[in-house]
Amino acid sequence: MSKNGLRRLDTKAADFDVALESLLRRDDPFDSTVLQIAKDIIADVRDRGDAALCEYTARFDDFKVSDAATLEISSSAREAAFQNLPSSLRQSLEAAAKRIQDFHERQKASSWEYDDGCGSRLGQRLTPLERIGVYVPGGKAAYPSTILMSAIPARIAGVTEIVMVVPTPRGEDNNLVLAASHLAQVDRAFRIGGAQAVAALAVGTETVPRVDKIVGPGNAYVAAAKKALFGEVGIDMVAGPSEVVIIADPGADPKWLAMDLFAQAEHDENAQSILLSPDAQLINQVETAMQQLLPQMERRQIIESSLSQHGALIKVESMAAAVDLSNRIAPEHLQLMVEDPESLLDQVRHAGAIFCGYWSAAALGDYCAGPNHVLPTAGTARFSSPLGVYDFQKRTNVIWCSPLGAAALSSVASNLAEHEGLFAHARSAAYRGRR
């Protein structure tokens, strides 16, 4: 342990694997209590609709309303919030939106088809989802950037209607969130959060429309509700706490590295910040910088709790070993704070987003670099991707068989079907072979 309670690990240590496993182990957000509470809330919202929403909003957000209509935020209120922003803040929001738009426009895909040589046409149609829900966290911090990252790709994909939900403790709207929802062309917005908001989007109530897919991060109860509703409604991912792995060489600025670690840690107490470096002196310098800078942090208590529980400074044998260890972790954010990130990039197999070079802070990606900040967490970068335009499109296979093409396929299909014991399939295919 370091002086400030942060783990100091070395891959050469005999107990390193055990220590790493302990470091990466998180509290299960889907323990029986959390999951059961989420399921109970979903069942209640399904049964009682708006009445349940009003009760949960009063209980969890200390916001009492006479009817569910009060929970909706009008489009005029959201437009006014945008227009009333200080000009510098409005310009920053617009600049971020433009960069996000420019990046995601390049993700657009088209329907396609080809001729198989027998006169048959085979292809795939891409169609946008009709209505999606965006969950925007609103507890310990406000996240207008999440609205931009979710709604802009949905619009590019061609989604017809975007519905936003955001918790508003004590009924207090965050003007920047409202402004972002206007800029991102959100159609409807509601002052609800937690598992009840996810339930409302998934099953619909008298006031909140049912959506086809829900995107956006949230707390353990939000994640549990998304998990419980998977299959009934589309889910982007069941995201866990934010995390970063930083690989650094001696050329990296220790203060920059310390602040990059703080930037992830300040999300919440369960966030994870890990530094990997073969240079012991740099690790010592980063630790010193953290001790110097921490007292200045506005969210010091959250940062301290996050780092002491889940943070680590890890000495590795080489840069190659650092990348191997990072692949083992499969982090949400990976910062390659090295002189030649290109030399390491091809070795990276698992990461939600990769930030290359000293100047590429994950914080820039969180707001305005352009690529999406809704990323796979908790090792799911091994098989998951960032949120993108493709998440708001469906792919439908299309088959046009010509008489000649059907005849060519019928014997193959009927032969395979018979050996599977599906004789109606076999005859259905064989009929197409008779001319």
Protein backbone atom coordinates (compact mmCIF):
# COMPACT_ATOMS: atom_id res chain seq x y z
CA MET A 1 0.00 0.00 0.00
CA SER A 2 1.11 3.55 -0.70
CA LYS A 3 1.00 6.34 1.87
CA ASN A 4 -2.46 7.41 0.72
CA GLY A 5 -3.93 3.90 0.82
CA LEU A 6 -3.48 3.24 -2.90
CA ARG A 7 -2.30 -0.27 -3.80
CA ARG A 8 1.28 -0.64 -5.03
CA LEU A 9 1.70 -3.89 -6.97
CA ASP A 10 4.53 -5.54 -8.88
CA THR A 11 3.97 -8.22 -11.51
CA LYS A 12 7.16 -9.99 -10.28
CA ALA A 13 5.68 -10.55 -6.83
CA ALA A 14 4.75 -14.15 -6.06
CA ASP A 15 1.26 -13.18 -4.98
CA PHE A 16 0.57 -10.78 -7.87
CA ASP A 17 -2.17 -12.87 -9.52
CA VAL A 18 -4.04 -13.13 -6.23
CA ALA A 19 -3.61 -9.39 -5.62
CA LEU A 20 -4.80 -8.56 -9.14
CA GLU A 21 -7.86 -10.77 -8.77
CA SER A 22 -8.70 -9.00 -5.52
CA LEU A 23 -8.23 -5.61 -7.20
CA LEU A 24 -10.50 -6.42 -10.13
CA ARG A 25 -13.20 -8.06 -8.03
CA ARG A 26 -16.19 -5.74 -7.64
CA ASP A 27 -19.33 -6.00 -5.60
CA ASP A 28 -21.92 -7.85 -7.64
CA PRO A 29 -24.48 -5.22 -8.71
CA PHE A 30 -26.93 -8.03 -9.27
CA ASP A 31 -26.95 -9.48 -5.79
CA SER A 32 -30.27 -10.92 -4.73
CA THR A 33 -31.38 -7.81 -2.87
CA VAL A 34 -30.72 -5.27 -5.65
CA LEU A 35 -32.10 -7.50 -8.38
CA GLN A 36 -35.23 -8.35 -6.40
CA ILE A 37 -35.93 -4.69 -5.64
CA ALA A 38 -35.56 -3.87 -9.34
CA LYS A 39 -37.90 -6.72 -10.30
CA ASP A 40 -40.48 -5.62 -7.74
CA ILE A 41 -40.39 -2.05 -9.07
CA ILE A 42 -40.77 -3.30 -12.65
CA ALA A 43 -43.79 -5.42 -11.68
CA ASP A 44 -45.35 -2.47 -9.85
CA VAL A 45 -44.87 -0.09 -12.78
CA ARG A 46 -46.26 -2.74 -15.11
CA ASP A 47 -49.36 -3.08 -12.91
CA ARG A 48 -50.00 0.50 -11.78
CA GLY A 49 -48.30 2.65 -14.42
CA ASP A 50 -48.23 6.36 -13.69
CA ALA A 51 -49.38 5.95 -10.07
CA ALA A 52 -46.32 3.82 -9.32
CA LEU A 53 -44.02 6.32 -11.05
CA CYS A 54 -45.34 9.18 -8.93
CA GLU A 55 -44.90 7.20 -5.72
CA TYR A 56 -41.33 6.11 -6.49
CA THR A 57 -40.37 9.64 -7.58
CA ALA A 58 -41.62 10.98 -4.24
CA ARG A 59 -39.85 8.23 -2.30
CA PHE A 60 -36.47 8.15 -4.05
CA ASP A 61 -36.12 11.69 -5.43
CA ASP A 62 -38.01 13.61 -2.74
CA PHE A 63 -40.18 15.07 -5.50
CA LYS A 64 -43.92 14.90 -4.98
CA VAL A 65 -46.21 15.42 -7.95
CA SER A 66 -50.00 15.40 -8.17
CA ASP A 67 -50.06 13.55 -11.49
CA ALA A 68 -47.60 12.05 -13.96
CA ALA A 69 -48.07 14.87 -16.45
CA THR A 70 -45.97 17.03 -14.10
CA LEU A 71 -43.09 14.63 -14.69
CA GLU A 72 -42.81 15.62 -18.35
CA ILE A 73 -40.44 18.45 -19.27
CA SER A 74 -41.90 20.53 -22.08
CA SER A 75 -39.98 21.14 -25.29
CA SER A 76 -40.38 24.89 -24.72
CA ALA A 77 -38.69 24.61 -21.30
CA ARG A 78 -35.83 22.69 -22.84
CA GLU A 79 -35.44 25.21 -25.65
CA ALA A 80 -35.49 28.07 -23.16
CA ALA A 81 -32.77 26.37 -21.13
CA PHE A 82 -30.62 26.17 -24.26
CA GLN A 83 -31.20 29.79 -25.23
CA ASN A 84 -30.50 31.02 -21.69
CA LEU A 85 -27.14 29.27 -21.35
CA PRO A 86 -24.13 31.57 -21.06
CA SER A 87 -22.79 32.02 -24.58
CA SER A 88 -19.46 30.31 -23.86
CA LEU A 89 -21.23 27.25 -22.44
CA ARG A 90 -23.69 27.11 -25.33
CA GLN A 91 -20.81 27.30 -27.79
CA SER A 92 -18.99 24.46 -26.00
CA LEU A 93 -22.12 22.31 -26.12
CA GLU A 94 -22.56 23.04 -29.82
CA ALA A 95 -18.89 22.31 -30.55
CA ALA A 96 -19.12 18.96 -28.78
CA ALA A 97 -22.34 18.09 -30.62
CA LYS A 98 -20.78 18.90 -33.99
CA ARG A 99 -17.74 16.70 -33.37
CA ILE A 100 -19.96 13.83 -32.17
CA GLN A 101 -22.11 14.30 -35.28
CA ASP A 102 -19.08 14.30 -37.60
CA PHE A 103 -17.66 11.11 -36.10
CA HIS A 104 -20.88 9.14 -36.05
CA GLU A 105 -21.90 10.16 -39.57
CA ARG A 106 -19.02 7.94 -40.70
CA GLN A 107 -20.63 4.93 -39.03
CA LYS A 108 -23.66 4.99 -41.31
CA ALA A 109 -24.14 1.76 -43.21
CA SER A 110 -26.42 0.92 -46.13
CA SER A 111 -28.58 -1.98 -47.19
CA TRP A 112 -26.90 -4.31 -49.68
CA GLU A 113 -27.59 -7.26 -51.96
CA TYR A 114 -25.87 -9.44 -54.56
CA ASP A 115 -26.74 -11.91 -57.31
CA ASP A 116 -25.67 -15.48 -56.59
CA GLY A 117 -25.16 -16.36 -60.24
CA CYS A 118 -28.39 -18.37 -60.52
CA GLY A 119 -30.68 -15.36 -60.73
CA SER A 120 -31.38 -15.23 -57.00
CA ARG A 121 -30.78 -12.05 -55.03
CA LEU A 122 -29.57 -12.16 -51.45
CA GLY A 123 -29.08 -9.22 -49.17
CA GLN A 124 -29.66 -7.36 -45.97
CA ARG A 125 -31.90 -4.37 -45.23
CA LEU A 126 -30.96 -1.86 -42.56
CA THR A 127 -33.87 -0.09 -40.92
CA PRO A 128 -33.82 2.31 -37.95
CA LEU A 129 -35.55 1.60 -34.67
CA GLU A 130 -38.78 3.54 -34.29
CA ARG A 131 -38.53 4.77 -30.69
CA ILE A 132 -35.63 4.67 -28.23
CA GLY A 133 -35.20 5.70 -24.60
CA VAL A 134 -32.14 7.50 -23.24
CA TYR A 135 -31.41 7.15 -19.53
CA VAL A 136 -29.40 10.11 -18.23
CA PRO A 137 -27.90 9.80 -14.72
CA GLY A 138 -28.74 12.64 -12.38
CA GLY A 139 -27.62 11.66 -8.90
CA LYS A 140 -24.06 12.53 -7.88
CA ALA A 141 -23.45 14.47 -11.11
CA ALA A 142 -25.32 15.63 -14.21
CA TYR A 143 -24.38 14.19 -17.59
CA PRO A 144 -25.50 16.33 -20.53
CA SER A 145 -22.72 14.67 -22.54
CA THR A 146 -24.57 11.35 -22.26
CA ILE A 147 -27.55 12.89 -24.07
CA LEU A 148 -25.35 14.01 -26.96
CA MET A 149 -23.58 10.65 -27.14
CA SER A 150 -26.88 8.75 -27.20
CA ALA A 151 -29.34 10.90 -29.11
CA ILE A 152 -27.06 12.13 -31.91
CA PRO A 153 -26.15 8.62 -33.18
CA ALA A 154 -29.83 7.67 -32.90
CA ARG A 155 -30.83 10.61 -35.09
CA ILE A 156 -28.15 9.73 -37.63
CA ALA A 157 -29.49 6.18 -37.72
CA GLY A 158 -32.94 7.56 -38.51
CA VAL A 159 -34.75 6.82 -35.23
CA THR A 160 -38.23 8.37 -35.37
CA GLU A 161 -38.67 9.33 -31.70
CA ILE A 162 -36.22 9.80 -28.82
CA VAL A 163 -37.48 9.77 -25.22
CA MET A 164 -35.25 10.91 -22.36
CA VAL A 165 -35.58 10.12 -18.66
CA VAL A 166 -33.49 11.83 -15.99
CA PRO A 167 -33.86 11.88 -12.20
CA THR A 168 -34.36 15.36 -10.75
CA PRO A 169 -33.85 15.23 -6.98
CA ARG A 170 -36.34 17.54 -5.24
CA GLY A 171 -37.71 18.39 -8.68
CA GLU A 172 -34.74 20.59 -9.55
CA ASP A 173 -34.00 20.54 -13.28
CA ASN A 174 -30.42 20.77 -14.49
CA ASN A 175 -30.45 23.47 -17.16
CA LEU A 176 -27.46 22.06 -18.99
CA VAL A 177 -29.16 18.66 -19.27
CA LEU A 178 -32.30 20.34 -20.60
CA ALA A 179 -30.25 22.39 -23.05
CA ALA A 180 -28.42 19.32 -24.31
CA SER A 181 -31.71 17.50 -24.84
CA HIS A 182 -32.93 20.40 -27.00
CA LEU A 183 -29.70 20.51 -29.01
CA ALA A 184 -29.78 16.74 -29.54
CA GLN A 185 -33.41 16.92 -30.74
CA VAL A 186 -34.90 14.78 -27.99
CA ASP A 187 -38.64 14.53 -28.62
CA ARG A 188 -39.93 13.95 -25.07
CA ALA A 189 -38.29 14.16 -21.65
CA PHE A 190 -39.39 13.02 -18.19
CA ARG A 191 -38.25 13.75 -14.63
CA ILE A 192 -37.91 10.13 -13.54
CA GLY A 193 -34.93 7.96 -12.70
CA GLY A 194 -33.92 4.64 -11.21
CA ALA A 195 -35.38 1.23 -11.95
CA GLN A 196 -38.83 2.81 -12.27
CA ALA A 197 -37.70 4.93 -15.23
CA VAL A 198 -36.24 1.91 -16.99
CA ALA A 199 -39.46 0.00 -16.31
CA ALA A 200 -41.61 2.83 -17.67
CA LEU A 201 -39.62 2.96 -20.89
CA ALA A 202 -39.73 -0.81 -21.29
CA VAL A 203 -43.41 -1.48 -20.61
CA GLY A 204 -45.00 1.95 -21.12
CA THR A 205 -47.42 3.80 -18.83
CA GLU A 206 -50.34 6.14 -19.43
CA THR A 207 -47.85 8.99 -19.84
CA VAL A 208 -44.48 7.47 -20.75
CA PRO A 209 -44.41 5.76 -24.16
CA ARG A 210 -43.00 2.28 -24.56
CA VAL A 211 -39.69 2.22 -26.44
CA ASP A 212 -37.90 -0.36 -28.55
CA LYS A 213 -34.48 0.04 -26.93
CA ILE A 214 -33.00 1.68 -23.83
CA VAL A 215 -29.51 3.17 -23.78
CA GLY A 216 -27.48 5.06 -21.21
CA PRO A 217 -25.66 4.34 -17.92
CA GLY A 218 -27.05 4.40 -14.40
CA ASN A 219 -26.62 3.11 -10.86
CA ALA A 220 -26.86 -0.50 -9.66
CA TYR A 221 -30.67 -0.44 -9.64
CA VAL A 222 -30.78 0.92 -13.20
CA ALA A 223 -28.34 -1.77 -14.32
CA ALA A 224 -30.34 -4.46 -12.53
CA ALA A 225 -33.57 -3.27 -14.16
CA LYS A 226 -31.94 -3.32 -17.59
CA LYS A 227 -30.71 -6.84 -16.95
CA ALA A 228 -34.16 -7.98 -15.76
CA LEU A 229 -35.86 -6.48 -18.83
CA PHE A 230 -33.37 -7.77 -21.39
CA GLY A 231 -35.31 -9.61 -24.07
CA GLU A 232 -38.49 -7.62 -23.50
CA VAL A 233 -36.84 -4.43 -24.69
CA GLY A 234 -33.54 -3.77 -26.45
CA ILE A 235 -30.67 -2.94 -24.07
CA ASP A 236 -27.41 -1.30 -25.10
CA MET A 237 -25.31 -2.84 -22.32
CA VAL A 238 -25.42 -3.42 -18.58
CA ALA A 239 -22.71 -0.96 -17.65
CA GLY A 240 -20.73 -1.02 -14.42
CA PRO A 241 -18.62 1.68 -12.75
CA SER A 242 -16.26 3.77 -14.87
CA GLU A 243 -12.67 2.55 -15.25
CA VAL A 244 -9.34 3.50 -16.80
CA VAL A 245 -6.02 1.76 -17.33
CA ILE A 246 -3.08 4.03 -18.11
CA ILE A 247 0.13 2.67 -19.62
CA ALA A 248 2.90 5.23 -19.19
CA ASP A 249 6.58 5.62 -20.01
CA PRO A 250 9.10 8.03 -18.38
CA GLY A 251 8.19 10.78 -20.86
CA ALA A 252 4.72 11.16 -19.38
CA ASP A 253 4.04 14.06 -17.03
CA PRO A 254 3.39 12.68 -13.50
CA LYS A 255 0.89 15.44 -12.73
CA TRP A 256 -1.04 14.74 -15.91
CA LEU A 257 -1.15 11.04 -15.03
CA ALA A 258 -2.30 11.79 -11.48
CA MET A 259 -5.13 13.98 -12.76
CA ASP A 260 -6.12 11.38 -15.36
CA LEU A 261 -6.43 8.81 -12.55
CA PHE A 262 -8.46 11.30 -10.49
CA ALA A 263 -10.73 12.02 -13.46
CA GLN A 264 -12.05 8.47 -13.49
CA ALA A 265 -12.03 8.09 -9.70
CA GLU A 266 -14.28 11.13 -9.18
CA HIS A 267 -17.21 9.45 -10.99
CA ASP A 268 -18.10 7.46 -7.90
CA GLU A 269 -16.63 5.34 -5.11
CA ASN A 270 -16.73 2.18 -7.26
CA ALA A 271 -14.81 3.65 -10.21
CA GLN A 272 -11.42 2.13 -10.96
CA SER A 273 -8.13 3.83 -11.90
CA ILE A 274 -5.01 1.77 -12.63
CA LEU A 275 -1.53 2.87 -13.75
CA LEU A 276 0.86 0.42 -15.43
CA SER A 277 4.50 1.29 -16.00
CA PRO A 278 7.89 -0.47 -16.11
CA ASP A 279 9.49 2.66 -14.62
CA ALA A 280 9.57 2.62 -10.80
CA GLN A 281 10.70 6.24 -10.63
CA LEU A 282 7.71 7.40 -12.67
CA ILE A 283 5.35 5.47 -10.40
CA ASN A 284 6.90 7.18 -7.37
CA GLN A 285 6.54 10.57 -9.06
CA VAL A 286 2.89 9.91 -9.86
CA GLU A 287 2.22 8.90 -6.27
CA THR A 288 3.84 12.11 -5.04
CA ALA A 289 1.82 14.17 -7.52
CA MET A 290 -1.38 12.51 -6.33
CA GLN A 291 -0.59 13.38 -2.73
CA GLN A 292 0.08 17.01 -3.71
CA LEU A 293 -3.00 17.43 -5.92
CA LEU A 294 -5.61 15.51 -3.95
CA PRO A 295 -6.28 18.23 -1.33
CA GLN A 296 -7.24 20.57 -4.20
CA MET A 297 -9.92 18.25 -5.58
CA GLU A 298 -13.53 19.36 -5.14
CA ARG A 299 -14.66 15.71 -5.08
CA ARG A 300 -11.83 14.60 -2.82
CA GLN A 301 -13.83 12.20 -0.67
CA ILE A 302 -15.16 10.29 -3.67
CA ILE A 303 -11.70 10.15 -5.24
CA GLU A 304 -10.07 8.91 -2.03
CA SER A 305 -12.69 6.22 -1.56
CA SER A 306 -12.43 5.06 -5.17
CA LEU A 307 -8.63 4.91 -5.16
CA SER A 308 -8.32 3.18 -1.80
CA GLN A 309 -10.84 0.49 -2.76
CA HIS A 310 -10.19 -0.01 -6.46
CA GLY A 311 -7.10 1.94 -7.56
CA ALA A 312 -3.55 0.68 -8.10
CA LEU A 313 -0.09 1.65 -9.28
CA ILE A 314 1.42 -1.44 -10.88
CA LYS A 315 5.04 -1.96 -11.91
CA VAL A 316 5.39 -4.22 -14.94
CA GLU A 317 8.49 -5.70 -16.56
CA SER A 318 8.07 -4.06 -19.97
CA MET A 319 5.69 -2.17 -22.20
CA ALA A 320 4.71 -5.43 -23.87
CA ALA A 321 3.88 -6.86 -20.44
CA ALA A 322 1.81 -3.75 -19.71
CA VAL A 323 -0.28 -4.29 -22.84
CA ASP A 324 -0.71 -7.99 -21.99
CA LEU A 325 -1.94 -7.05 -18.53
CA SER A 326 -4.26 -4.42 -19.96
CA ASN A 327 -5.72 -7.02 -22.34
CA ARG A 328 -6.31 -9.23 -19.33
CA ILE A 329 -8.22 -6.40 -17.62
CA ALA A 330 -10.07 -5.31 -20.82
CA PRO A 331 -10.70 -1.78 -19.54
CA GLU A 332 -13.38 0.70 -20.53
CA HIS A 333 -10.75 3.40 -21.19
CA LEU A 334 -7.12 2.67 -22.09
CA GLN A 335 -4.64 5.55 -22.22
CA LEU A 336 -1.34 4.87 -23.98
CA MET A 337 0.66 7.68 -22.41
CA VAL A 338 3.86 6.80 -24.24
CA GLU A 339 6.13 8.43 -26.80
CA ASP A 340 5.29 5.92 -29.53
CA PRO A 341 1.72 4.65 -28.99
CA GLU A 342 1.65 3.31 -32.55
CA SER A 343 4.12 0.61 -31.53
CA LEU A 344 1.67 -0.69 -28.92
CA LEU A 345 -1.64 -0.14 -30.67
CA ASP A 346 -1.69 -3.35 -32.71
CA GLN A 347 -1.06 -5.38 -29.57
CA VAL A 348 -4.19 -4.04 -27.85
CA ARG A 349 -7.03 -6.54 -28.24
CA HIS A 350 -9.50 -5.53 -25.55
CA ALA A 351 -10.49 -1.95 -24.67
CA GLY A 352 -13.62 0.15 -25.01
CA ALA A 353 -11.66 3.18 -26.23
CA ILE A 354 -7.93 3.75 -26.73
CA PHE A 355 -6.36 7.17 -26.17
CA CYS A 356 -3.00 7.44 -27.94
CA GLY A 357 -0.18 9.68 -26.80
CA TYR A 358 0.48 12.14 -23.99
CA TRP A 359 -2.10 14.65 -25.18
CA SER A 360 -5.01 12.23 -25.51
CA ALA A 361 -6.78 12.33 -22.16
CA ALA A 362 -9.85 10.17 -21.63
CA ALA A 363 -11.59 13.30 -20.34
CA LEU A 364 -11.46 14.76 -23.87
CA GLY A 365 -13.22 11.65 -25.14
CA ASP A 366 -15.83 11.94 -22.41
CA TYR A 367 -17.06 15.24 -23.81
CA CYS A 368 -16.01 16.37 -27.22
CA ALA A 369 -13.38 14.35 -29.11
CA GLY A 370 -16.19 12.78 -31.14
CA PRO A 371 -16.17 9.00 -30.53
CA ASN A 372 -18.83 7.72 -28.18
CA HIS A 373 -18.22 7.68 -24.43
CA VAL A 374 -20.82 4.97 -23.72
CA LEU A 375 -18.36 2.08 -23.49
CA PRO A 376 -18.23 -1.53 -22.28
CA THR A 377 -17.07 -1.95 -18.67
CA ALA A 378 -16.10 -4.72 -16.23
CA GLY A 379 -14.12 -6.70 -18.78
CA THR A 380 -16.94 -6.80 -21.34
CA ALA A 381 -14.70 -5.02 -23.85
CA ARG A 382 -13.59 -8.59 -24.65
CA PHE A 383 -16.82 -9.00 -26.61
CA SER A 384 -18.66 -5.65 -26.67
CA SER A 385 -18.31 -2.38 -28.57
CA PRO A 386 -18.93 1.32 -27.90
CA LEU A 387 -22.41 2.70 -28.50
CA GLY A 388 -22.83 3.78 -32.10
CA VAL A 389 -25.18 4.35 -35.01
CA TYR A 390 -25.29 0.59 -35.55
CA ASP A 391 -27.01 0.17 -32.17
CA PHE A 392 -30.06 1.99 -33.48
CA GLN A 393 -30.48 -0.03 -36.66
CA LYS A 394 -31.96 -3.46 -37.29
CA ARG A 395 -30.61 -5.83 -39.90
CA THR A 396 -33.12 -7.91 -41.83
CA ASN A 397 -32.06 -10.65 -44.23
CA VAL A 398 -33.74 -10.68 -47.65
CA ILE A 399 -33.89 -13.69 -49.99
CA TRP A 400 -35.23 -13.58 -53.59
CA CYS A 401 -35.01 -17.05 -55.15
CA SER A 402 -35.39 -17.42 -58.88
CA PRO A 403 -36.79 -20.71 -60.28
CA LEU A 404 -33.27 -21.71 -61.31
CA GLY A 405 -31.85 -20.70 -57.94
CA ALA A 406 -34.54 -22.59 -56.00
CA ALA A 407 -33.90 -25.70 -58.07
CA ALA A 408 -30.18 -25.48 -57.27
CA LEU A 409 -30.85 -25.12 -53.55
CA SER A 410 -33.72 -27.58 -53.14
CA SER A 411 -31.71 -30.81 -53.16
CA VAL A 412 -29.14 -29.41 -50.72
CA ALA A 413 -31.80 -28.15 -48.31
CA SER A 414 -33.98 -31.26 -48.51
CA ASN A 415 -31.01 -33.56 -47.97
CA LEU A 416 -29.90 -31.68 -44.86
CA ALA A 417 -33.47 -31.39 -43.55
CA GLU A 418 -34.08 -35.13 -43.83
CA HIS A 419 -30.95 -35.87 -41.85
CA GLU A 420 -32.17 -33.45 -39.17
CA GLY A 421 -35.49 -35.30 -39.07
CA LEU A 422 -37.46 -32.28 -40.29
CA PHE A 423 -39.38 -33.89 -43.13
CA ALA A 424 -41.82 -31.05 -43.79
CA HIS A 425 -38.79 -28.82 -44.30
CA ALA A 426 -37.39 -31.36 -46.74
CA ARG A 427 -40.62 -31.54 -48.76
CA SER A 428 -41.06 -27.75 -48.72
CA ALA A 429 -37.60 -27.38 -50.23
CA ALA A 430 -38.11 -30.29 -52.67
CA TYR A 431 -41.31 -28.77 -54.08
CA ARG A 432 -39.19 -25.84 -55.31
CA GLY A 433 -36.98 -28.24 -57.23
CA ARG A 434 -39.84 -29.52 -59.38
CA ARG A 435 -40.34 -27.52 -62.54
